[in-house]
C-alpha atoms as a PDB file:
ATOM      1  CA  UNK A   1     -25.545  43.378  -2.264  1.00  0.00           C
ATOM      2  CA  UNK A   2     -29.144  41.542  -1.834  1.00  0.00           C
ATOM      3  CA  UNK A   3     -28.373  40.851   1.949  1.00  0.00           C
ATOM      4  CA  UNK A   4     -27.185  42.880   4.815  1.00  0.00           C
ATOM      5  CA  UNK A   5     -23.685  44.115   3.752  1.00  0.00           C
ATOM      6  CA  UNK A   6     -22.455  45.001   7.249  1.00  0.00           C
ATOM      7  CA  UNK A   7     -23.010  41.006   7.871  1.00  0.00           C
ATOM      8  CA  UNK A   8     -20.888  39.882   5.205  1.00  0.00           C
ATOM      9  CA  UNK A   9     -18.286  37.471   6.693  1.00  0.00           C
ATOM     10  CA  UNK A  10     -14.770  38.693   6.083  1.00  0.00           C
ATOM     11  CA  UNK A  11     -11.427  37.061   7.097  1.00  0.00           C
ATOM     12  CA  UNK A  12     -10.543  37.834  10.676  1.00  0.00           C
ATOM     13  CA  UNK A  13      -7.139  39.483  10.566  1.00  0.00           C
ATOM     14  CA  UNK A  14      -6.626  37.894  14.130  1.00  0.00           C
ATOM     15  CA  UNK A  15      -7.418  34.301  13.208  1.00  0.00           C
ATOM     16  CA  UNK A  16      -6.250  32.769  10.510  1.00  0.00           C
ATOM     17  CA  UNK A  17      -8.668  30.964   8.415  1.00  0.00           C
ATOM     18  CA  UNK A  18     -11.932  32.701  10.728  1.00  0.00           C
ATOM     19  CA  UNK A  19     -14.570  35.048   9.720  1.00  0.00           C
ATOM     20  CA  UNK A  20     -16.184  37.782  11.001  1.00  0.00           C
ATOM     21  CA  UNK A  21     -19.106  40.210  10.276  1.00  0.00           C
ATOM     22  CA  UNK A  22     -17.736  43.208   8.177  1.00  0.00           C
ATOM     23  CA  UNK A  23     -19.116  45.614  10.827  1.00  0.00           C
ATOM     24  CA  UNK A  24     -17.252  43.780  13.429  1.00  0.00           C
ATOM     25  CA  UNK A  25     -14.252  43.854  11.857  1.00  0.00           C
ATOM     26  CA  UNK A  26     -14.471  48.019  11.184  1.00  0.00           C
ATOM     27  CA  UNK A  27     -15.314  48.320  15.370  1.00  0.00           C
ATOM     28  CA  UNK A  28     -12.580  46.135  16.272  1.00  0.00           C
ATOM     29  CA  UNK A  29     -10.125  48.315  14.415  1.00  0.00           C
ATOM     30  CA  UNK A  30     -11.496  51.473  15.685  1.00  0.00           C
ATOM     31  CA  UNK A  31     -11.384  50.404  19.439  1.00  0.00           C
ATOM     32  CA  UNK A  32      -7.572  49.006  18.725  1.00  0.00           C
ATOM     33  CA  UNK A  33      -6.877  52.422  17.529  1.00  0.00           C
ATOM     34  CA  UNK A  34      -6.260  55.776  19.541  1.00  0.00           C
ATOM     35  CA  UNK A  35      -9.698  57.191  18.850  1.00  0.00           C
ATOM     36  CA  UNK A  36     -10.952  58.585  22.070  1.00  0.00           C
ATOM     37  CA  UNK A  37     -15.018  57.651  21.699  1.00  0.00           C
ATOM     38  CA  UNK A  38     -16.459  55.383  19.310  1.00  0.00           C
ATOM     39  CA  UNK A  39     -20.050  56.246  17.808  1.00  0.00           C
ATOM     40  CA  UNK A  40     -21.614  53.292  15.518  1.00  0.00           C
ATOM     41  CA  UNK A  41     -24.423  54.716  13.378  1.00  0.00           C
ATOM     42  CA  UNK A  42     -26.714  52.090  12.010  1.00  0.00           C
ATOM     43  CA  UNK A  43     -29.609  52.490   9.703  1.00  0.00           C
ATOM     44  CA  UNK A  44     -31.014  49.988   7.392  1.00  0.00           C
ATOM     45  CA  UNK A  45     -31.718  46.804   9.351  1.00  0.00           C
ATOM     46  CA  UNK A  46     -30.330  48.202  12.311  1.00  0.00           C
ATOM     47  CA  UNK A  47     -32.153  45.758  15.063  1.00  0.00           C
ATOM     48  CA  UNK A  48     -30.542  43.049  13.264  1.00  0.00           C
ATOM     49  CA  UNK A  49     -26.954  44.488  12.894  1.00  0.00           C
ATOM     50  CA  UNK A  50     -27.036  45.621  16.478  1.00  0.00           C
ATOM     51  CA  UNK A  51     -27.603  42.075  17.889  1.00  0.00           C
ATOM     52  CA  UNK A  52     -24.309  41.150  16.199  1.00  0.00           C
ATOM     53  CA  UNK A  53     -22.485  44.055  17.698  1.00  0.00           C
ATOM     54  CA  UNK A  54     -24.069  44.218  21.007  1.00  0.00           C
ATOM     55  CA  UNK A  55     -20.970  42.331  22.917  1.00  0.00           C
ATOM     56  CA  UNK A  56     -18.311  44.843  21.545  1.00  0.00           C
ATOM     57  CA  UNK A  57     -20.663  47.798  22.468  1.00  0.00           C
ATOM     58  CA  UNK A  58     -21.408  46.485  26.136  1.00  0.00           C
ATOM     59  CA  UNK A  59     -17.239  45.742  26.222  1.00  0.00           C
ATOM     60  CA  UNK A  60     -15.985  48.645  25.099  1.00  0.00           C
ATOM     61  CA  UNK A  61     -18.792  51.193  26.385  1.00  0.00           C
ATOM     62  CA  UNK A  62     -19.598  52.381  22.607  1.00  0.00           C
ATOM     63  CA  UNK A  63     -22.364  54.732  21.632  1.00  0.00           C
ATOM     64  CA  UNK A  64     -25.035  53.692  19.414  1.00  0.00           C
ATOM     65  CA  UNK A  65     -27.221  55.633  17.080  1.00  0.00           C
ATOM     66  CA  UNK A  66     -30.346  54.799  15.275  1.00  0.00           C
ATOM     67  CA  UNK A  67     -30.452  56.875  11.861  1.00  0.00           C
ATOM     68  CA  UNK A  68     -34.184  57.282  10.997  1.00  0.00           C
ATOM     69  CA  UNK A  69     -33.660  58.864   7.949  1.00  0.00           C
ATOM     70  CA  UNK A  70     -30.888  56.601   6.475  1.00  0.00           C
ATOM     71  CA  UNK A  71     -32.983  56.373   3.304  1.00  0.00           C
ATOM     72  CA  UNK A  72     -32.219  59.638   2.426  1.00  0.00           C
ATOM     73  CA  UNK A  73     -28.576  59.076   2.220  1.00  0.00           C
ATOM     74  CA  UNK A  74     -25.097  59.109   3.860  1.00  0.00           C
ATOM     75  CA  UNK A  75     -25.473  62.575   4.905  1.00  0.00           C
ATOM     76  CA  UNK A  76     -28.032  61.609   7.234  1.00  0.00           C
ATOM     77  CA  UNK A  77     -25.414  59.221   8.881  1.00  0.00           C
ATOM     78  CA  UNK A  78     -22.943  61.732   9.264  1.00  0.00           C
ATOM     79  CA  UNK A  79     -25.113  64.217  11.060  1.00  0.00           C
ATOM     80  CA  UNK A  80     -26.648  61.756  13.466  1.00  0.00           C
ATOM     81  CA  UNK A  81     -23.162  60.702  14.352  1.00  0.00           C
ATOM     82  CA  UNK A  82     -21.858  64.561  15.059  1.00  0.00           C
ATOM     83  CA  UNK A  83     -24.451  64.766  16.938  1.00  0.00           C
ATOM     84  CA  UNK A  84     -23.542  62.769  19.951  1.00  0.00           C
ATOM     85  CA  UNK A  85     -19.732  64.288  19.863  1.00  0.00           C
ATOM     86  CA  UNK A  86     -20.130  68.036  18.527  1.00  0.00           C
ATOM     87  CA  UNK A  87     -20.193  69.417  22.064  1.00  0.00           C
ATOM     88  CA  UNK A  88     -17.599  67.317  23.534  1.00  0.00           C
ATOM     89  CA  UNK A  89     -15.179  66.855  20.672  1.00  0.00           C
ATOM     90  CA  UNK A  90     -12.978  69.164  18.760  1.00  0.00           C
ATOM     91  CA  UNK A  91     -12.506  66.876  16.011  1.00  0.00           C
ATOM     92  CA  UNK A  92     -14.561  63.922  14.323  1.00  0.00           C
ATOM     93  CA  UNK A  93     -13.259  61.177  12.028  1.00  0.00           C
ATOM     94  CA  UNK A  94     -15.631  59.191   9.579  1.00  0.00           C
ATOM     95  CA  UNK A  95     -15.243  55.474   9.296  1.00  0.00           C
ATOM     96  CA  UNK A  96     -16.940  53.725   6.785  1.00  0.00           C
ATOM     97  CA  UNK A  97     -17.556  49.991   7.629  1.00  0.00           C
ATOM     98  CA  UNK A  98     -17.403  48.622   3.967  1.00  0.00           C
ATOM     99  CA  UNK A  99     -13.888  50.035   3.245  1.00  0.00           C
ATOM    100  CA  UNK A 100     -11.643  47.069   4.436  1.00  0.00           C
ATOM    101  CA  UNK A 101      -8.345  48.778   3.883  1.00  0.00           C
ATOM    102  CA  UNK A 102      -9.073  50.877   6.977  1.00  0.00           C
ATOM    103  CA  UNK A 103      -7.344  49.477  10.028  1.00  0.00           C
ATOM    104  CA  UNK A 104      -6.245  50.860  13.339  1.00  0.00           C
ATOM    105  CA  UNK A 105      -2.735  51.365  12.090  1.00  0.00           C
ATOM    106  CA  UNK A 106      -3.893  53.660   9.101  1.00  0.00           C
ATOM    107  CA  UNK A 107      -6.340  55.428  11.620  1.00  0.00           C
ATOM    108  CA  UNK A 108      -3.365  56.558  13.900  1.00  0.00           C
ATOM    109  CA  UNK A 109      -1.369  57.381  11.480  1.00  0.00           C
ATOM    110  CA  UNK A 110      -4.116  59.832  10.213  1.00  0.00           C
ATOM    111  CA  UNK A 111      -4.683  61.014  13.613  1.00  0.00           C
ATOM    112  CA  UNK A 112      -1.097  61.926  14.372  1.00  0.00           C
ATOM    113  CA  UNK A 113      -0.351  63.674  11.069  1.00  0.00           C
ATOM    114  CA  UNK A 114      -4.033  65.789  11.080  1.00  0.00           C
ATOM    115  CA  UNK A 115      -3.420  66.815  14.588  1.00  0.00           C
ATOM    116  CA  UNK A 116       0.071  67.547  14.421  1.00  0.00           C
ATOM    117  CA  UNK A 117      -0.754  69.452  10.897  1.00  0.00           C
ATOM    118  CA  UNK A 118      -3.039  72.244  12.511  1.00  0.00           C
ATOM    119  CA  UNK A 119      -5.382  71.452   9.160  1.00  0.00           C
ATOM    120  CA  UNK A 120      -9.077  71.687   9.640  1.00  0.00           C
ATOM    121  CA  UNK A 121      -9.835  68.546   7.477  1.00  0.00           C
ATOM    122  CA  UNK A 122      -7.616  65.537   6.802  1.00  0.00           C
ATOM    123  CA  UNK A 123      -7.562  62.242   4.675  1.00  0.00           C
ATOM    124  CA  UNK A 124      -5.576  59.325   3.733  1.00  0.00           C
ATOM    125  CA  UNK A 125      -4.433  59.443   0.023  1.00  0.00           C
ATOM    126  CA  UNK A 126      -3.518  55.810  -1.720  1.00  0.00           C
ATOM    127  CA  UNK A 127      -1.915  55.751  -4.680  1.00  0.00           C
ATOM    128  CA  UNK A 128      -2.463  59.204  -5.458  1.00  0.00           C
ATOM    129  CA  UNK A 129      -6.032  59.479  -4.621  1.00  0.00           C
ATOM    130  CA  UNK A 130      -8.092  60.672  -1.623  1.00  0.00           C
ATOM    131  CA  UNK A 131      -9.631  58.116   0.309  1.00  0.00           C
ATOM    132  CA  UNK A 132     -11.226  57.306   4.014  1.00  0.00           C
ATOM    133  CA  UNK A 133     -10.880  57.643   6.509  1.00  0.00           C
ATOM    134  CA  UNK A 134     -11.639  61.152   6.650  1.00  0.00           C
ATOM    135  CA  UNK A 135     -11.394  63.644   9.684  1.00  0.00           C
ATOM    136  CA  UNK A 136     -12.976  67.096  10.494  1.00  0.00           C
ATOM    137  CA  UNK A 137     -12.477  69.618  12.741  1.00  0.00           C
ATOM    138  CA  UNK A 138     -15.286  71.471  14.668  1.00  0.00           C
ATOM    139  CA  UNK A 139     -14.581  74.415  12.791  1.00  0.00           C
ATOM    140  CA  UNK A 140     -16.673  72.597   9.910  1.00  0.00           C
ATOM    141  CA  UNK A 141     -18.869  70.638  11.875  1.00  0.00           C
ATOM    142  CA  UNK A 142     -21.542  73.410  10.481  1.00  0.00           C
ATOM    143  CA  UNK A 143     -20.913  72.578   6.915  1.00  0.00           C
ATOM    144  CA  UNK A 144     -21.196  68.762   7.792  1.00  0.00           C
ATOM    145  CA  UNK A 145     -24.739  69.604   9.064  1.00  0.00           C
ATOM    146  CA  UNK A 146     -25.614  71.503   5.830  1.00  0.00           C
ATOM    147  CA  UNK A 147     -24.816  68.414   3.664  1.00  0.00           C
ATOM    148  CA  UNK A 148     -27.666  66.898   2.183  1.00  0.00           C
ATOM    149  CA  UNK A 149     -28.501  63.683   0.294  1.00  0.00           C
ATOM    150  CA  UNK A 150     -26.016  60.558  -0.345  1.00  0.00           C
ATOM    151  CA  UNK A 151     -22.793  62.616  -0.221  1.00  0.00           C
ATOM    152  CA  UNK A 152     -20.259  62.435   2.467  1.00  0.00           C
ATOM    153  CA  UNK A 153     -17.500  64.998   3.303  1.00  0.00           C
ATOM    154  CA  UNK A 154     -16.185  65.257  -0.736  1.00  0.00           C
ATOM    155  CA  UNK A 155     -17.738  68.410  -0.731  1.00  0.00           C
ATOM    156  CA  UNK A 156     -15.913  70.096   2.086  1.00  0.00           C
ATOM    157  CA  UNK A 157     -12.637  68.687   0.652  1.00  0.00           C
ATOM    158  CA  UNK A 158     -13.572  70.774  -2.525  1.00  0.00           C
ATOM    159  CA  UNK A 159     -14.073  73.810  -0.871  1.00  0.00           C
ATOM    160  CA  UNK A 160     -11.100  73.705   1.608  1.00  0.00           C
ATOM    161  CA  UNK A 161      -8.675  71.581  -0.343  1.00  0.00           C
ATOM    162  CA  UNK A 162      -6.065  74.218   0.301  1.00  0.00           C
ATOM    163  CA  UNK A 163      -6.312  73.855   4.381  1.00  0.00           C
ATOM    164  CA  UNK A 164      -6.485  69.940   4.056  1.00  0.00           C
ATOM    165  CA  UNK A 165      -4.248  67.753   5.368  1.00  0.00           C
ATOM    166  CA  UNK A 166      -3.215  64.448   3.346  1.00  0.00           C
ATOM    167  CA  UNK A 167      -1.388  61.436   4.643  1.00  0.00           C
ATOM    168  CA  UNK A 168       0.057  59.117   2.061  1.00  0.00           C
ATOM    169  CA  UNK A 169      -0.826  55.857   3.307  1.00  0.00           C
ATOM    170  CA  UNK A 170       2.596  53.280   3.763  1.00  0.00           C
ATOM    171  CA  UNK A 171       3.170  50.918   0.747  1.00  0.00           C
ATOM    172  CA  UNK A 172       0.943  47.773   0.506  1.00  0.00           C
ATOM    173  CA  UNK A 173      -2.577  49.365   1.123  1.00  0.00           C
ATOM    174  CA  UNK A 174      -5.173  49.504  -1.591  1.00  0.00           C
ATOM    175  CA  UNK A 175      -8.584  50.791  -1.511  1.00  0.00           C
ATOM    176  CA  UNK A 176     -10.818  48.070  -0.561  1.00  0.00           C
ATOM    177  CA  UNK A 177     -14.484  49.258  -1.085  1.00  0.00           C
ATOM    178  CA  UNK A 178     -17.312  46.577  -0.988  1.00  0.00           C
ATOM    179  CA  UNK A 179     -19.944  47.983  -3.248  1.00  0.00           C
ATOM    180  CA  UNK A 180     -20.859  44.793  -5.074  1.00  0.00           C
ATOM    181  CA  UNK A 181     -21.319  41.150  -4.937  1.00  0.00           C
ATOM    182  CA  UNK A 182     -18.206  41.051  -7.309  1.00  0.00           C
ATOM    183  CA  UNK A 183     -16.365  43.092  -4.929  1.00  0.00           C
ATOM    184  CA  UNK A 184     -17.053  41.040  -2.058  1.00  0.00           C
ATOM    185  CA  UNK A 185     -15.877  37.598  -4.365  1.00  0.00           C
ATOM    186  CA  UNK A 186     -12.620  39.036  -4.931  1.00  0.00           C
ATOM    187  CA  UNK A 187     -12.340  39.819  -1.677  1.00  0.00           C
ATOM    188  CA  UNK A 188     -13.071  35.830  -0.679  1.00  0.00           C
ATOM    189  CA  UNK A 189     -10.630  34.922  -3.456  1.00  0.00           C
ATOM    190  CA  UNK A 190      -7.780  37.154  -2.480  1.00  0.00           C
ATOM    191  CA  UNK A 191      -4.517  36.545  -0.231  1.00  0.00           C
ATOM    192  CA  UNK A 192      -3.901  38.541   2.326  1.00  0.00           C
ATOM    193  CA  UNK A 193      -0.885  40.651   2.566  1.00  0.00           C
ATOM    194  CA  UNK A 194       1.792  41.286   4.999  1.00  0.00           C
ATOM    195  CA  UNK A 195       0.490  44.726   5.400  1.00  0.00           C
ATOM    196  CA  UNK A 196      -2.200  45.275   7.886  1.00  0.00           C
ATOM    197  CA  UNK A 197      -5.439  45.604   6.415  1.00  0.00           C
ATOM    198  CA  UNK A 198      -4.736  45.758   2.750  1.00  0.00           C
ATOM    199  CA  UNK A 199      -4.956  42.515   0.539  1.00  0.00           C
ATOM    200  CA  UNK A 200      -2.803  42.182  -2.463  1.00  0.00           C
END
């Protein structure tokens, strides 16, 4: 992006015409959901980002972990966050701050469906393709710890596809992943749809 992606101003769902930092938006959605404990994992420019989210962290008692090995890839952030909850929680959901289609409603739909299914892992499926958020049971924590490099849980879904729960997102949801300046420009020029978390 050429600048700190997590702090890019994005539309605030709660105040028309207002903008909030990207990571603040995701934390707010996580807080509004039924998730029991939220761990925010920071890496690049962690100190700057931590200042921006400190009011939310203090208000909601969130855990913040600094991943000193972030340059080695996404797997290190997964392991850093997992280390906080592995002994106290039977399941862990992974939320990526740059995927703007994720909102509290989608988080809760996945949470309820996955827990009711008894599956080992779960994910949202949008327009026929697996997407985020994703969730894993303790039975797979050891495999998450074995991940290396810039990969997430995709490998586990490939190995355990028969044991996975996939939630088809409601109509209106589209994958919104901010990876490039062009993605960001498209986001700002788009008009919000009536479906929470999605843009037309």
